Amino acid sequence: MALDGDIERRYYTIGEVARMFEVNTSLIRFWEKEFDVLKPKKNKKGNRLFTQKDVENLKVIHHLVKERGFTLKGAQTKMRQNMDDTAKTTEVVDKLKAIKQALLEIKREL
């Protein structure tokens, strides 16, 4: 995701969040309606402001739906049944992707 190296911010706009996950803002709004763990704050103009916790929950949702192929119902059930394990698995997958990328860069340099 695009946050690596950034200083942790308090809030992210829906556009920033959509770019992190390389999806449309409409998908983020849809997931917000479908997953009750997403609770972005809204400013006076009605713009959504996502917290770091929202971003972490979106990582899990994105992993389940886009990478593992879960249906929305399946992802909702998985998150309700065992959110901690699901979040840890997502974290491990992210770390493995980073390792793979680093190895590919080393290979290119050889």
PDB file of N, CA and C in Angstrom:
ATOM      1  N   MET A   1       0.830  -1.173   0.000  1.00  0.00           N
ATOM      2  CA  MET A   1       0.000   0.000   0.000  1.00  0.00           C
ATOM      3  C   MET A   1       0.882   1.247   0.000  1.00  0.00           C
ATOM      4  N   ALA A   2       0.318   2.346  -0.321  1.00  0.00           N
ATOM      5  CA  ALA A   2       1.081   3.563  -0.528  1.00  0.00           C
ATOM      6  C   ALA A   2       1.518   4.266   0.751  1.00  0.00           C
ATOM      7  N   LEU A   3       1.197   3.724   1.903  1.00  0.00           N
ATOM      8  CA  LEU A   3       1.514   4.408   3.145  1.00  0.00           C
ATOM      9  C   LEU A   3       2.912   4.153   3.649  1.00  0.00           C
ATOM     10  N   ASP A   4       3.627   3.189   3.113  1.00  0.00           N
ATOM     11  CA  ASP A   4       4.950   2.860   3.615  1.00  0.00           C
ATOM     12  C   ASP A   4       5.838   4.101   3.613  1.00  0.00           C
ATOM     13  N   GLY A   5       6.445   4.360   4.768  1.00  0.00           N
ATOM     14  CA  GLY A   5       7.345   5.483   4.872  1.00  0.00           C
ATOM     15  C   GLY A   5       6.669   6.790   5.237  1.00  0.00           C
ATOM     16  N   ASP A   6       5.372   6.904   5.068  1.00  0.00           N
ATOM     17  CA  ASP A   6       4.667   8.119   5.442  1.00  0.00           C
ATOM     18  C   ASP A   6       4.539   8.193   6.957  1.00  0.00           C
ATOM     19  N   ILE A   7       4.575   9.406   7.460  1.00  0.00           N
ATOM     20  CA  ILE A   7       4.290   9.592   8.878  1.00  0.00           C
ATOM     21  C   ILE A   7       2.807   9.326   9.046  1.00  0.00           C
ATOM     22  N   GLU A   8       2.467   8.582  10.094  1.00  0.00           N
ATOM     23  CA  GLU A   8       1.065   8.217  10.297  1.00  0.00           C
ATOM     24  C   GLU A   8       0.230   9.470  10.496  1.00  0.00           C
ATOM     25  N   ARG A   9      -0.800   9.588   9.700  1.00  0.00           N
ATOM     26  CA  ARG A   9      -1.694  10.728   9.773  1.00  0.00           C
ATOM     27  C   ARG A   9      -2.926  10.361  10.565  1.00  0.00           C
ATOM     28  N   ARG A  10      -3.624  11.370  10.979  1.00  0.00           N
ATOM     29  CA  ARG A  10      -4.817  11.148  11.781  1.00  0.00           C
ATOM     30  C   ARG A  10      -6.003  10.750  10.907  1.00  0.00           C
ATOM     31  N   TYR A  11      -6.174  11.422   9.767  1.00  0.00           N
ATOM     32  CA  TYR A  11      -7.305  11.141   8.884  1.00  0.00           C
ATOM     33  C   TYR A  11      -6.860  11.117   7.422  1.00  0.00           C
ATOM     34  N   TYR A  12      -7.554  10.295   6.645  1.00  0.00           N
ATOM     35  CA  TYR A  12      -7.315  10.205   5.206  1.00  0.00           C
ATOM     36  C   TYR A  12      -8.632  10.461   4.487  1.00  0.00           C
ATOM     37  N   THR A  13      -8.570  11.169   3.370  1.00  0.00           N
ATOM     38  CA  THR A  13      -9.776  11.396   2.572  1.00  0.00           C
ATOM     39  C   THR A  13     -10.119  10.123   1.811  1.00  0.00           C
ATOM     40  N   ILE A  14     -11.327  10.061   1.297  1.00  0.00           N
ATOM     41  CA  ILE A  14     -11.744   8.869   0.545  1.00  0.00           C
ATOM     42  C   ILE A  14     -10.893   8.705  -0.716  1.00  0.00           C
ATOM     43  N   GLY A  15     -10.487   9.813  -1.321  1.00  0.00           N
ATOM     44  CA  GLY A  15      -9.634   9.738  -2.503  1.00  0.00           C
ATOM     45  C   GLY A  15      -8.275   9.131  -2.188  1.00  0.00           C
ATOM     46  N   GLU A  16      -7.704   9.536  -1.066  1.00  0.00           N
ATOM     47  CA  GLU A  16      -6.415   8.980  -0.650  1.00  0.00           C
ATOM     48  C   GLU A  16      -6.540   7.491  -0.352  1.00  0.00           C
ATOM     49  N   VAL A  17      -7.616   7.119   0.319  1.00  0.00           N
ATOM     50  CA  VAL A  17      -7.828   5.711   0.653  1.00  0.00           C
ATOM     51  C   VAL A  17      -8.024   4.889  -0.623  1.00  0.00           C
ATOM     52  N   ALA A  18      -8.799   5.404  -1.549  1.00  0.00           N
ATOM     53  CA  ALA A  18      -9.028   4.693  -2.812  1.00  0.00           C
ATOM     54  C   ALA A  18      -7.711   4.482  -3.560  1.00  0.00           C
ATOM     55  N   ARG A  19      -6.840   5.490  -3.569  1.00  0.00           N
ATOM     56  CA  ARG A  19      -5.536   5.348  -4.236  1.00  0.00           C
ATOM     57  C   ARG A  19      -4.662   4.315  -3.537  1.00  0.00           C
ATOM     58  N   MET A  20      -4.729   4.244  -2.204  1.00  0.00           N
ATOM     59  CA  MET A  20      -3.941   3.254  -1.465  1.00  0.00           C
ATOM     60  C   MET A  20      -4.255   1.841  -1.934  1.00  0.00           C
ATOM     61  N   PHE A  21      -5.537   1.601  -2.199  1.00  0.00           N
ATOM     62  CA  PHE A  21      -5.984   0.249  -2.557  1.00  0.00           C
ATOM     63  C   PHE A  21      -6.202   0.082  -4.058  1.00  0.00           C
ATOM     64  N   GLU A  22      -5.920   1.141  -4.809  1.00  0.00           N
ATOM     65  CA  GLU A  22      -6.079   1.125  -6.265  1.00  0.00           C
ATOM     66  C   GLU A  22      -7.484   0.685  -6.667  1.00  0.00           C
ATOM     67  N   VAL A  23      -8.476   1.318  -6.029  1.00  0.00           N
ATOM     68  CA  VAL A  23      -9.885   1.066  -6.343  1.00  0.00           C
ATOM     69  C   VAL A  23     -10.583   2.412  -6.489  1.00  0.00           C
ATOM     70  N   ASN A  24     -11.810   2.381  -6.985  1.00  0.00           N
ATOM     71  CA  ASN A  24     -12.605   3.597  -7.114  1.00  0.00           C
ATOM     72  C   ASN A  24     -13.172   4.010  -5.767  1.00  0.00           C
ATOM     73  N   THR A  25     -13.418   5.303  -5.620  1.00  0.00           N
ATOM     74  CA  THR A  25     -14.017   5.796  -4.377  1.00  0.00           C
ATOM     75  C   THR A  25     -15.397   5.181  -4.164  1.00  0.00           C
ATOM     76  N   SER A  26     -16.094   4.878  -5.260  1.00  0.00           N
ATOM     77  CA  SER A  26     -17.428   4.276  -5.119  1.00  0.00           C
ATOM     78  C   SER A  26     -17.339   2.907  -4.430  1.00  0.00           C
ATOM     79  N   LEU A  27     -16.270   2.163  -4.662  1.00  0.00           N
ATOM     80  CA  LEU A  27     -16.111   0.867  -3.994  1.00  0.00           C
ATOM     81  C   LEU A  27     -15.880   1.071  -2.493  1.00  0.00           C
ATOM     82  N   ILE A  28     -15.107   2.080  -2.144  1.00  0.00           N
ATOM     83  CA  ILE A  28     -14.882   2.369  -0.722  1.00  0.00           C
ATOM     84  C   ILE A  28     -16.202   2.740  -0.057  1.00  0.00           C
ATOM     85  N   ARG A  29     -17.025   3.563  -0.713  1.00  0.00           N
ATOM     86  CA  ARG A  29     -18.342   3.921  -0.157  1.00  0.00           C
ATOM     87  C   ARG A  29     -19.224   2.683  -0.035  1.00  0.00           C
ATOM     88  N   PHE A  30     -19.173   1.809  -1.034  1.00  0.00           N
ATOM     89  CA  PHE A  30     -19.968   0.577  -0.997  1.00  0.00           C
ATOM     90  C   PHE A  30     -19.538  -0.305   0.175  1.00  0.00           C
ATOM     91  N   TRP A  31     -18.229  -0.495   0.321  1.00  0.00           N
ATOM     92  CA  TRP A  31     -17.734  -1.309   1.431  1.00  0.00           C
ATOM     93  C   TRP A  31     -18.122  -0.696   2.777  1.00  0.00           C
ATOM     94  N   GLU A  32     -18.138   0.630   2.842  1.00  0.00           N
ATOM     95  CA  GLU A  32     -18.540   1.309   4.082  1.00  0.00           C
ATOM     96  C   GLU A  32     -19.966   0.913   4.472  1.00  0.00           C
ATOM     97  N   LYS A  33     -20.832   0.798   3.480  1.00  0.00           N
ATOM     98  CA  LYS A  33     -22.224   0.401   3.754  1.00  0.00           C
ATOM     99  C   LYS A  33     -22.328  -1.074   4.125  1.00  0.00           C
ATOM    100  N   GLU A  34     -21.486  -1.898   3.530  1.00  0.00           N
ATOM    101  CA  GLU A  34     -21.556  -3.347   3.719  1.00  0.00           C
ATOM    102  C   GLU A  34     -20.855  -3.854   4.973  1.00  0.00           C
ATOM    103  N   PHE A  35     -19.830  -3.150   5.425  1.00  0.00           N
ATOM    104  CA  PHE A  35     -19.030  -3.605   6.562  1.00  0.00           C
ATOM    105  C   PHE A  35     -19.154  -2.609   7.701  1.00  0.00           C
ATOM    106  N   ASP A  36     -19.780  -3.037   8.782  1.00  0.00           N
ATOM    107  CA  ASP A  36     -20.024  -2.122   9.899  1.00  0.00           C
ATOM    108  C   ASP A  36     -18.763  -1.767  10.687  1.00  0.00           C
ATOM    109  N   VAL A  37     -17.618  -2.403  10.390  1.00  0.00           N
ATOM    110  CA  VAL A  37     -16.370  -2.023  11.062  1.00  0.00           C
ATOM    111  C   VAL A  37     -15.819  -0.715  10.505  1.00  0.00           C
ATOM    112  N   LEU A  38     -16.306  -0.307   9.334  1.00  0.00           N
ATOM    113  CA  LEU A  38     -15.860   0.953   8.734  1.00  0.00           C
ATOM    114  C   LEU A  38     -16.761   2.072   9.231  1.00  0.00           C
ATOM    115  N   LYS A  39     -16.154   3.010   9.933  1.00  0.00           N
ATOM    116  CA  LYS A  39     -16.914   4.115  10.492  1.00  0.00           C
ATOM    117  C   LYS A  39     -16.160   5.428  10.290  1.00  0.00           C
ATOM    118  N   PRO A  40     -16.028   5.865   9.031  1.00  0.00           N
ATOM    119  CA  PRO A  40     -15.302   7.123   8.835  1.00  0.00           C
ATOM    120  C   PRO A  40     -16.082   8.288   9.435  1.00  0.00           C
ATOM    121  N   LYS A  41     -15.332   9.247   9.920  1.00  0.00           N
ATOM    122  CA  LYS A  41     -15.962  10.465  10.426  1.00  0.00           C
ATOM    123  C   LYS A  41     -16.324  11.314   9.210  1.00  0.00           C
ATOM    124  N   LYS A  42     -17.236  12.231   9.399  1.00  0.00           N
ATOM    125  CA  LYS A  42     -17.579  13.154   8.315  1.00  0.00           C
ATOM    126  C   LYS A  42     -17.400  14.572   8.829  1.00  0.00           C
ATOM    127  N   ASN A  43     -16.785  15.396   7.975  1.00  0.00           N
ATOM    128  CA  ASN A  43     -16.613  16.791   8.372  1.00  0.00           C
ATOM    129  C   ASN A  43     -17.902  17.567   8.098  1.00  0.00           C
ATOM    130  N   LYS A  44     -17.864  18.856   8.325  1.00  0.00           N
ATOM    131  CA  LYS A  44     -19.073  19.674   8.167  1.00  0.00           C
ATOM    132  C   LYS A  44     -19.609  19.653   6.740  1.00  0.00           C
ATOM    133  N   LYS A  45     -18.730  19.446   5.780  1.00  0.00           N
ATOM    134  CA  LYS A  45     -19.145  19.377   4.373  1.00  0.00           C
ATOM    135  C   LYS A  45     -19.684  17.989   4.006  1.00  0.00           C
ATOM    136  N   GLY A  46     -19.531  17.027   4.914  1.00  0.00           N
ATOM    137  CA  GLY A  46     -19.994  15.673   4.628  1.00  0.00           C
ATOM    138  C   GLY A  46     -18.934  14.775   4.022  1.00  0.00           C
ATOM    139  N   ASN A  47     -17.706  15.275   3.907  1.00  0.00           N
ATOM    140  CA  ASN A  47     -16.612  14.467   3.356  1.00  0.00           C
ATOM    141  C   ASN A  47     -16.183  13.415   4.375  1.00  0.00           C
ATOM    142  N   ARG A  48     -15.946  12.211   3.883  1.00  0.00           N
ATOM    143  CA  ARG A  48     -15.506  11.124   4.754  1.00  0.00           C
ATOM    144  C   ARG A  48     -14.045  11.294   5.130  1.00  0.00           C
ATOM    145  N   LEU A  49     -13.755  11.062   6.411  1.00  0.00           N
ATOM    146  CA  LEU A  49     -12.379  11.109   6.903  1.00  0.00           C
ATOM    147  C   LEU A  49     -12.103   9.785   7.595  1.00  0.00           C
ATOM    148  N   PHE A  50     -11.212   8.999   6.995  1.00  0.00           N
ATOM    149  CA  PHE A  50     -10.913   7.659   7.480  1.00  0.00           C
ATOM    150  C   PHE A  50      -9.752   7.691   8.455  1.00  0.00           C
ATOM    151  N   THR A  51      -9.892   6.987   9.572  1.00  0.00           N
ATOM    152  CA  THR A  51      -8.831   6.880  10.565  1.00  0.00           C
ATOM    153  C   THR A  51      -7.870   5.753  10.154  1.00  0.00           C
ATOM    154  N   GLN A  52      -6.760   5.654  10.881  1.00  0.00           N
ATOM    155  CA  GLN A  52      -5.815   4.567  10.623  1.00  0.00           C
ATOM    156  C   GLN A  52      -6.495   3.220  10.845  1.00  0.00           C
ATOM    157  N   LYS A  53      -7.368   3.129  11.847  1.00  0.00           N
ATOM    158  CA  LYS A  53      -8.103   1.885  12.113  1.00  0.00           C
ATOM    159  C   LYS A  53      -8.999   1.524  10.931  1.00  0.00           C
ATOM    160  N   ASP A  54      -9.662   2.532  10.333  1.00  0.00           N
ATOM    161  CA  ASP A  54     -10.471   2.285   9.138  1.00  0.00           C
ATOM    162  C   ASP A  54      -9.601   1.739   8.011  1.00  0.00           C
ATOM    163  N   VAL A  55      -8.419   2.311   7.840  1.00  0.00           N
ATOM    164  CA  VAL A  55      -7.502   1.859   6.783  1.00  0.00           C
ATOM    165  C   VAL A  55      -7.079   0.413   7.044  1.00  0.00           C
ATOM    166  N   GLU A  56      -6.795   0.087   8.295  1.00  0.00           N
ATOM    167  CA  GLU A  56      -6.426  -1.293   8.641  1.00  0.00           C
ATOM    168  C   GLU A  56      -7.581  -2.247   8.346  1.00  0.00           C
ATOM    169  N   ASN A  57      -8.800  -1.845   8.677  1.00  0.00           N
ATOM    170  CA  ASN A  57      -9.963  -2.688   8.374  1.00  0.00           C
ATOM    171  C   ASN A  57     -10.161  -2.820   6.868  1.00  0.00           C
ATOM    172  N   LEU A  58      -9.913  -1.751   6.136  1.00  0.00           N
ATOM    173  CA  LEU A  58     -10.014  -1.823   4.675  1.00  0.00           C
ATOM    174  C   LEU A  58      -8.966  -2.759   4.091  1.00  0.00           C
ATOM    175  N   LYS A  59      -7.783  -2.806   4.699  1.00  0.00           N
ATOM    176  CA  LYS A  59      -6.751  -3.755   4.247  1.00  0.00           C
ATOM    177  C   LYS A  59      -7.272  -5.183   4.349  1.00  0.00           C
ATOM    178  N   VAL A  60      -7.929  -5.481   5.462  1.00  0.00           N
ATOM    179  CA  VAL A  60      -8.471  -6.826   5.663  1.00  0.00           C
ATOM    180  C   VAL A  60      -9.571  -7.103   4.647  1.00  0.00           C
ATOM    181  N   ILE A  61     -10.484  -6.152   4.472  1.00  0.00           N
ATOM    182  CA  ILE A  61     -11.580  -6.322   3.510  1.00  0.00           C
ATOM    183  C   ILE A  61     -11.017  -6.516   2.108  1.00  0.00           C
ATOM    184  N   HIS A  62     -10.080  -5.664   1.717  1.00  0.00           N
ATOM    185  CA  HIS A  62      -9.468  -5.757   0.385  1.00  0.00           C
ATOM    186  C   HIS A  62      -8.801  -7.112   0.196  1.00  0.00           C
ATOM    187  N   HIS A  63      -8.066  -7.557   1.210  1.00  0.00           N
ATOM    188  CA  HIS A  63      -7.387  -8.848   1.135  1.00  0.00           C
ATOM    189  C   HIS A  63      -8.390  -9.986   0.934  1.00  0.00           C
ATOM    190  N   LEU A  64      -9.449  -9.987   1.735  1.00  0.00           N
ATOM    191  CA  LEU A  64     -10.430 -11.071   1.649  1.00  0.00           C
ATOM    192  C   LEU A  64     -11.181 -11.056   0.320  1.00  0.00           C
ATOM    193  N   VAL A  65     -11.643  -9.877  -0.088  1.00  0.00           N
ATOM    194  CA  VAL A  65     -12.511  -9.786  -1.267  1.00  0.00           C
ATOM    195  C   VAL A  65     -11.715  -9.800  -2.568  1.00  0.00           C
ATOM    196  N   LYS A  66     -10.702  -8.973  -2.652  1.00  0.00           N
ATOM    197  CA  LYS A  66      -9.974  -8.810  -3.919  1.00  0.00           C
ATOM    198  C   LYS A  66      -8.864  -9.837  -4.118  1.00  0.00           C
ATOM    199  N   GLU A  67      -8.184 -10.232  -3.036  1.00  0.00           N
ATOM    200  CA  GLU A  67      -7.052 -11.140  -3.193  1.00  0.00           C
ATOM    201  C   GLU A  67      -7.429 -12.596  -2.976  1.00  0.00           C
ATOM    202  N   ARG A  68      -8.305 -12.843  -2.019  1.00  0.00           N
ATOM    203  CA  ARG A  68      -8.657 -14.234  -1.722  1.00  0.00           C
ATOM    204  C   ARG A  68      -9.967 -14.662  -2.375  1.00  0.00           C
ATOM    205  N   GLY A  69     -10.709 -13.725  -2.935  1.00  0.00           N
ATOM    206  CA  GLY A  69     -11.907 -14.061  -3.688  1.00  0.00           C
ATOM    207  C   GLY A  69     -13.152 -14.348  -2.850  1.00  0.00           C
ATOM    208  N   PHE A  70     -13.178 -13.877  -1.618  1.00  0.00           N
ATOM    209  CA  PHE A  70     -14.364 -14.066  -0.777  1.00  0.00           C
ATOM    210  C   PHE A  70     -15.526 -13.260  -1.339  1.00  0.00           C
ATOM    211  N   THR A  71     -16.735 -13.765  -1.144  1.00  0.00           N
ATOM    212  CA  THR A  71     -17.919 -12.953  -1.407  1.00  0.00           C
ATOM    213  C   THR A  71     -18.033 -11.944  -0.275  1.00  0.00           C
ATOM    214  N   LEU A  72     -18.880 -10.938  -0.453  1.00  0.00           N
ATOM    215  CA  LEU A  72     -19.065  -9.963   0.625  1.00  0.00           C
ATOM    216  C   LEU A  72     -19.585 -10.643   1.883  1.00  0.00           C
ATOM    217  N   LYS A  73     -20.560 -11.535   1.712  1.00  0.00           N
ATOM    218  CA  LYS A  73     -21.117 -12.262   2.866  1.00  0.00           C
ATOM    219  C   LYS A  73     -20.024 -13.094   3.537  1.00  0.00           C
ATOM    220  N   GLY A  74     -19.219 -13.770   2.732  1.00  0.00           N
ATOM    221  CA  GLY A  74     -18.138 -14.591   3.270  1.00  0.00           C
ATOM    222  C   GLY A  74     -17.122 -13.754   4.035  1.00  0.00           C
ATOM    223  N   ALA A  75     -16.769 -12.597   3.479  1.00  0.00           N
ATOM    224  CA  ALA A  75     -15.813 -11.707   4.146  1.00  0.00           C
ATOM    225  C   ALA A  75     -16.401 -11.167   5.445  1.00  0.00           C
ATOM    226  N   GLN A  76     -17.677 -10.802   5.411  1.00  0.00           N
ATOM    227  CA  GLN A  76     -18.331 -10.303   6.628  1.00  0.00           C
ATOM    228  C   GLN A  76     -18.310 -11.371   7.718  1.00  0.00           C
ATOM    229  N   THR A  77     -18.644 -12.604   7.338  1.00  0.00           N
ATOM    230  CA  THR A  77     -18.665 -13.706   8.302  1.00  0.00           C
ATOM    231  C   THR A  77     -17.270 -13.956   8.855  1.00  0.00           C
ATOM    232  N   LYS A  78     -16.280 -14.006   7.974  1.00  0.00           N
ATOM    233  CA  LYS A  78     -14.895 -14.249   8.392  1.00  0.00           C
ATOM    234  C   LYS A  78     -14.426 -13.179   9.374  1.00  0.00           C
ATOM    235  N   MET A  79     -14.762 -11.939   9.091  1.00  0.00           N
ATOM    236  CA  MET A  79     -14.336 -10.850   9.962  1.00  0.00           C
ATOM    237  C   MET A  79     -15.057 -10.897  11.304  1.00  0.00           C
ATOM    238  N   ARG A  80     -16.312 -11.267  11.304  1.00  0.00           N
ATOM    239  CA  ARG A  80     -17.059 -11.368  12.562  1.00  0.00           C
ATOM    240  C   ARG A  80     -16.560 -12.524  13.411  1.00  0.00           C
ATOM    241  N   GLN A  81     -16.245 -13.652  12.770  1.00  0.00           N
ATOM    242  CA  GLN A  81     -15.835 -14.849  13.495  1.00  0.00           C
ATOM    243  C   GLN A  81     -14.449 -14.708  14.100  1.00  0.00           C
ATOM    244  N   ASN A  82     -13.523 -14.151  13.344  1.00  0.00           N
ATOM    245  CA  ASN A  82     -12.148 -14.136  13.836  1.00  0.00           C
ATOM    246  C   ASN A  82     -11.365 -12.972  13.238  1.00  0.00           C
ATOM    247  N   MET A  83     -11.679 -11.767  13.650  1.00  0.00           N
ATOM    248  CA  MET A  83     -11.051 -10.569  13.097  1.00  0.00           C
ATOM    249  C   MET A  83      -9.554 -10.537  13.382  1.00  0.00           C
ATOM    250  N   ASP A  84      -9.150 -10.937  14.585  1.00  0.00           N
ATOM    251  CA  ASP A  84      -7.726 -10.865  14.937  1.00  0.00           C
ATOM    252  C   ASP A  84      -6.875 -11.751  14.032  1.00  0.00           C
ATOM    253  N   ASP A  85      -7.283 -13.002  13.838  1.00  0.00           N
ATOM    254  CA  ASP A  85      -6.529 -13.902  12.968  1.00  0.00           C
ATOM    255  C   ASP A  85      -6.538 -13.414  11.528  1.00  0.00           C
ATOM    256  N   THR A  86      -7.666 -12.917  11.094  1.00  0.00           N
ATOM    257  CA  THR A  86      -7.783 -12.415   9.721  1.00  0.00           C
ATOM    258  C   THR A  86      -6.860 -11.218   9.521  1.00  0.00           C
ATOM    259  N   ALA A  87      -6.815 -10.319  10.491  1.00  0.00           N
ATOM    260  CA  ALA A  87      -5.938  -9.144  10.402  1.00  0.00           C
ATOM    261  C   ALA A  87      -4.468  -9.570  10.418  1.00  0.00           C
ATOM    262  N   LYS A  88      -4.125 -10.542  11.247  1.00  0.00           N
ATOM    263  CA  LYS A  88      -2.739 -11.025  11.312  1.00  0.00           C
ATOM    264  C   LYS A  88      -2.334 -11.668   9.991  1.00  0.00           C
ATOM    265  N   THR A  89      -3.230 -12.443   9.405  1.00  0.00           N
ATOM    266  CA  THR A  89      -2.950 -13.070   8.116  1.00  0.00           C
ATOM    267  C   THR A  89      -2.706 -12.008   7.054  1.00  0.00           C
ATOM    268  N   THR A  90      -3.516 -10.974   7.055  1.00  0.00           N
ATOM    269  CA  THR A  90      -3.353  -9.884   6.098  1.00  0.00           C
ATOM    270  C   THR A  90      -2.003  -9.207   6.288  1.00  0.00           C
ATOM    271  N   GLU A  91      -1.610  -9.009   7.533  1.00  0.00           N
ATOM    272  CA  GLU A  91      -0.317  -8.395   7.842  1.00  0.00           C
ATOM    273  C   GLU A  91       0.829  -9.262   7.334  1.00  0.00           C
ATOM    274  N   VAL A  92       0.728 -10.570   7.526  1.00  0.00           N
ATOM    275  CA  VAL A  92       1.766 -11.497   7.061  1.00  0.00           C
ATOM    276  C   VAL A  92       1.860 -11.448   5.538  1.00  0.00           C
ATOM    277  N   VAL A  93       0.710 -11.435   4.858  1.00  0.00           N
ATOM    278  CA  VAL A  93       0.702 -11.377   3.390  1.00  0.00           C
ATOM    279  C   VAL A  93       1.381 -10.089   2.913  1.00  0.00           C
ATOM    280  N   ASP A  94       1.090  -8.965   3.573  1.00  0.00           N
ATOM    281  CA  ASP A  94       1.726  -7.695   3.202  1.00  0.00           C
ATOM    282  C   ASP A  94       3.242  -7.773   3.364  1.00  0.00           C
ATOM    283  N   LYS A  95       3.707  -8.374   4.458  1.00  0.00           N
ATOM    284  CA  LYS A  95       5.145  -8.499   4.689  1.00  0.00           C
ATOM    285  C   LYS A  95       5.792  -9.411   3.655  1.00  0.00           C
ATOM    286  N   LEU A  96       5.105 -10.494   3.305  1.00  0.00           N
ATOM    287  CA  LEU A  96       5.639 -11.402   2.290  1.00  0.00           C
ATOM    288  C   LEU A  96       5.730 -10.716   0.929  1.00  0.00           C
ATOM    289  N   LYS A  97       4.753  -9.884   0.612  1.00  0.00           N
ATOM    290  CA  LYS A  97       4.799  -9.137  -0.654  1.00  0.00           C
ATOM    291  C   LYS A  97       5.994  -8.183  -0.664  1.00  0.00           C
ATOM    292  N   ALA A  98       6.259  -7.543   0.459  1.00  0.00           N
ATOM    293  CA  ALA A  98       7.391  -6.626   0.543  1.00  0.00           C
ATOM    294  C   ALA A  98       8.703  -7.386   0.385  1.00  0.00           C
ATOM    295  N   ILE A  99       8.799  -8.558   0.992  1.00  0.00           N
ATOM    296  CA  ILE A  99      10.003  -9.389   0.866  1.00  0.00           C
ATOM    297  C   ILE A  99      10.194  -9.820  -0.583  1.00  0.00           C
ATOM    298  N   LYS A 100       9.107 -10.233  -1.220  1.00  0.00           N
ATOM    299  CA  LYS A 100       9.171 -10.650  -2.622  1.00  0.00           C
ATOM    300  C   LYS A 100       9.670  -9.500  -3.489  1.00  0.00           C
ATOM    301  N   GLN A 101       9.140  -8.306  -3.247  1.00  0.00           N
ATOM    302  CA  GLN A 101       9.550  -7.143  -4.014  1.00  0.00           C
ATOM    303  C   GLN A 101      11.033  -6.855  -3.815  1.00  0.00           C
ATOM    304  N   ALA A 102      11.494  -6.952  -2.572  1.00  0.00           N
ATOM    305  CA  ALA A 102      12.909  -6.716  -2.283  1.00  0.00           C
ATOM    306  C   ALA A 102      13.780  -7.752  -2.978  1.00  0.00           C
ATOM    307  N   LEU A 103      13.369  -9.004  -2.968  1.00  0.00           N
ATOM    308  CA  LEU A 103      14.126 -10.060  -3.641  1.00  0.00           C
ATOM    309  C   LEU A 103      14.177  -9.847  -5.147  1.00  0.00           C
ATOM    310  N   LEU A 104      13.050  -9.408  -5.727  1.00  0.00           N
ATOM    311  CA  LEU A 104      13.023  -9.127  -7.159  1.00  0.00           C
ATOM    312  C   LEU A 104      13.971  -7.975  -7.515  1.00  0.00           C
ATOM    313  N   GLU A 105      14.044  -6.968  -6.648  1.00  0.00           N
ATOM    314  CA  GLU A 105      14.964  -5.869  -6.884  1.00  0.00           C
ATOM    315  C   GLU A 105      16.423  -6.331  -6.800  1.00  0.00           C
ATOM    316  N   ILE A 106      16.707  -7.196  -5.840  1.00  0.00           N
ATOM    317  CA  ILE A 106      18.067  -7.756  -5.714  1.00  0.00           C
ATOM    318  C   ILE A 106      18.413  -8.561  -6.955  1.00  0.00           C
ATOM    319  N   LYS A 107      17.454  -9.363  -7.414  1.00  0.00           N
ATOM    320  CA  LYS A 107      17.669 -10.182  -8.617  1.00  0.00           C
ATOM    321  C   LYS A 107      17.970  -9.287  -9.824  1.00  0.00           C
ATOM    322  N   ARG A 108      17.252  -8.183  -9.970  1.00  0.00           N
ATOM    323  CA  ARG A 108      17.476  -7.270 -11.095  1.00  0.00           C
ATOM    324  C   ARG A 108      18.868  -6.661 -11.036  1.00  0.00           C
ATOM    325  N   GLU A 109      19.360  -6.415  -9.827  1.00  0.00           N
ATOM    326  CA  GLU A 109      20.679  -5.798  -9.676  1.00  0.00           C
ATOM    327  C   GLU A 109      21.812  -6.780  -9.956  1.00  0.00           C
ATOM    328  N   LEU A 110      21.563  -8.088  -9.881  1.00  0.00           N
ATOM    329  CA  LEU A 110      22.617  -9.085 -10.087  1.00  0.00           C
ATOM    330  C   LEU A 110      22.970  -9.276 -11.538  1.00  0.00           C
TER     331      LEU A 110
END
